Amino acid sequence: MPEKRIKSRIQLNSIELDAVVSCAIQCWEEQQGKSASLEAWLMDAEIDWSMSGPRETPQRYVFILPVEAPLKSVECQFSQNSGMITTAIFRDNADRCQCVSDSEE
């Protein structure tokens, strides 16, 4: 299964977060009163194959995150030994975080 292979790659390699995504996760943690893990959300996510580019270089995958995550979806690009979030779509309720509001201006 390609989805399992991609998710195991996430576990083996790290995913780099930009400042806005890191801030949104930190804000969510403060609002919810519990710690969050983007990796855990990615493990529970579904891959949107129609929006992904598995044959592109670098490979990119769009993950539809579970409803409890502050992000609706993220696009990750994978190099040889790491992954990086290149696009993040925030849920409507995430706009309470200043960092999310700043990124949308």
Protein backbone atom coordinates (compact mmCIF):
# COMPACT_ATOMS: atom_id res chain seq x y z
CA MET A 1 0.00 0.00 0.00
CA PRO A 2 1.53 3.34 -1.01
CA GLU A 3 -0.26 5.21 1.81
CA LYS A 4 1.37 3.02 4.47
CA ARG A 5 4.78 3.49 2.84
CA ILE A 6 4.36 7.29 2.83
CA LYS A 7 3.25 7.35 6.47
CA SER A 8 6.15 5.14 7.55
CA ARG A 9 8.45 7.58 5.76
CA ILE A 10 6.99 10.38 7.91
CA GLN A 11 7.81 8.37 11.04
CA LEU A 12 11.37 7.68 9.89
CA ASN A 13 12.15 11.19 8.65
CA SER A 14 11.27 14.46 10.23
CA ILE A 15 8.73 16.95 8.89
CA GLU A 16 9.90 20.57 8.94
CA LEU A 17 7.31 23.09 10.06
CA ASP A 18 7.29 26.74 9.08
CA ALA A 19 6.74 29.40 11.72
CA VAL A 20 3.02 29.86 10.96
CA VAL A 21 2.19 26.15 11.23
CA SER A 22 4.27 25.84 14.42
CA CYS A 23 2.44 28.85 15.88
CA ALA A 24 -0.98 27.43 14.95
CA ILE A 25 -0.17 24.12 16.64
CA GLN A 26 1.14 25.90 19.74
CA CYS A 27 -2.01 28.05 19.86
CA TRP A 28 -4.19 24.93 19.52
CA GLU A 29 -2.28 23.31 22.40
CA GLU A 30 -2.92 26.35 24.60
CA GLN A 31 -6.63 26.46 23.69
CA GLN A 32 -7.14 22.71 24.15
CA GLY A 33 -4.91 22.35 27.20
CA LYS A 34 -3.12 19.34 25.74
CA SER A 35 -0.13 18.65 23.57
CA ALA A 36 -0.47 18.08 19.86
CA SER A 37 1.56 16.17 17.36
CA LEU A 38 1.45 16.94 13.66
CA GLU A 39 2.93 13.48 13.10
CA ALA A 40 -0.01 11.85 14.90
CA TRP A 41 -2.47 13.87 12.82
CA LEU A 42 -0.63 12.87 9.65
CA MET A 43 -0.83 9.21 10.67
CA ASP A 44 -4.62 9.58 11.02
CA ALA A 45 -4.95 11.66 7.83
CA GLU A 46 -6.17 10.58 4.43
CA ILE A 47 -4.02 11.30 1.39
CA ASP A 48 -5.82 13.22 -1.34
CA TRP A 49 -4.34 11.44 -4.34
CA SER A 50 -6.06 13.74 -6.85
CA MET A 51 -4.19 16.75 -5.40
CA SER A 52 -0.87 14.94 -4.78
CA GLY A 53 2.10 14.54 -7.09
CA PRO A 54 3.77 11.23 -6.20
CA ARG A 55 5.66 11.10 -9.51
CA GLU A 56 6.89 14.69 -9.31
CA THR A 57 10.33 15.68 -8.08
CA PRO A 58 10.25 16.35 -5.22
CA GLN A 59 7.31 14.14 -4.39
CA ARG A 60 4.39 15.96 -2.80
CA TYR A 61 1.35 14.67 -0.97
CA VAL A 62 -1.76 16.45 0.28
CA PHE A 63 -3.00 15.15 3.63
CA ILE A 64 -6.59 15.74 4.79
CA LEU A 65 -6.22 15.96 8.55
CA PRO A 66 -8.69 14.70 11.18
CA VAL A 67 -11.33 17.18 12.38
CA GLU A 68 -9.65 17.72 15.77
CA ALA A 69 -6.55 19.24 14.10
CA PRO A 70 -6.37 23.05 13.68
CA LEU A 71 -5.34 22.46 10.07
CA LYS A 72 -7.78 21.19 7.46
CA SER A 73 -5.03 19.94 5.14
CA VAL A 74 -1.30 20.19 4.55
CA GLU A 75 0.86 19.60 1.52
CA CYS A 76 4.19 17.94 2.24
CA GLN A 77 7.13 17.69 -0.12
CA PHE A 78 9.64 14.94 0.43
CA SER A 79 13.31 15.02 -0.41
CA GLN A 80 15.66 12.09 0.02
CA ASN A 81 15.71 12.22 3.82
CA SER A 82 13.22 14.81 5.05
CA GLY A 83 9.78 16.25 4.54
CA MET A 84 8.63 19.84 4.57
CA ILE A 85 5.18 21.38 4.78
CA THR A 86 4.78 23.66 1.79
CA THR A 87 1.09 24.57 2.12
CA ALA A 88 -1.30 24.55 5.07
CA ILE A 89 -5.05 25.16 4.97
CA PHE A 90 -6.42 26.26 8.34
CA ARG A 91 -9.83 25.45 9.74
CA ASP A 92 -12.22 28.34 10.30
CA ASN A 93 -11.85 28.13 14.09
CA ALA A 94 -8.05 28.43 13.83
CA ASP A 95 -8.38 32.12 12.99
CA ARG A 96 -8.46 32.85 16.72
CA CYS A 97 -4.67 32.47 16.63
CA GLN A 98 -2.82 35.68 15.81
CA CYS A 99 -0.20 33.86 13.71
CA VAL A 100 -2.89 32.41 11.42
CA SER A 101 -4.50 35.83 10.97
CA ASP A 102 -1.11 37.36 10.14
CA SER A 103 -0.43 34.76 7.42
CA GLU A 104 -3.73 35.44 5.63
CA GLU A 105 -3.14 39.17 5.14
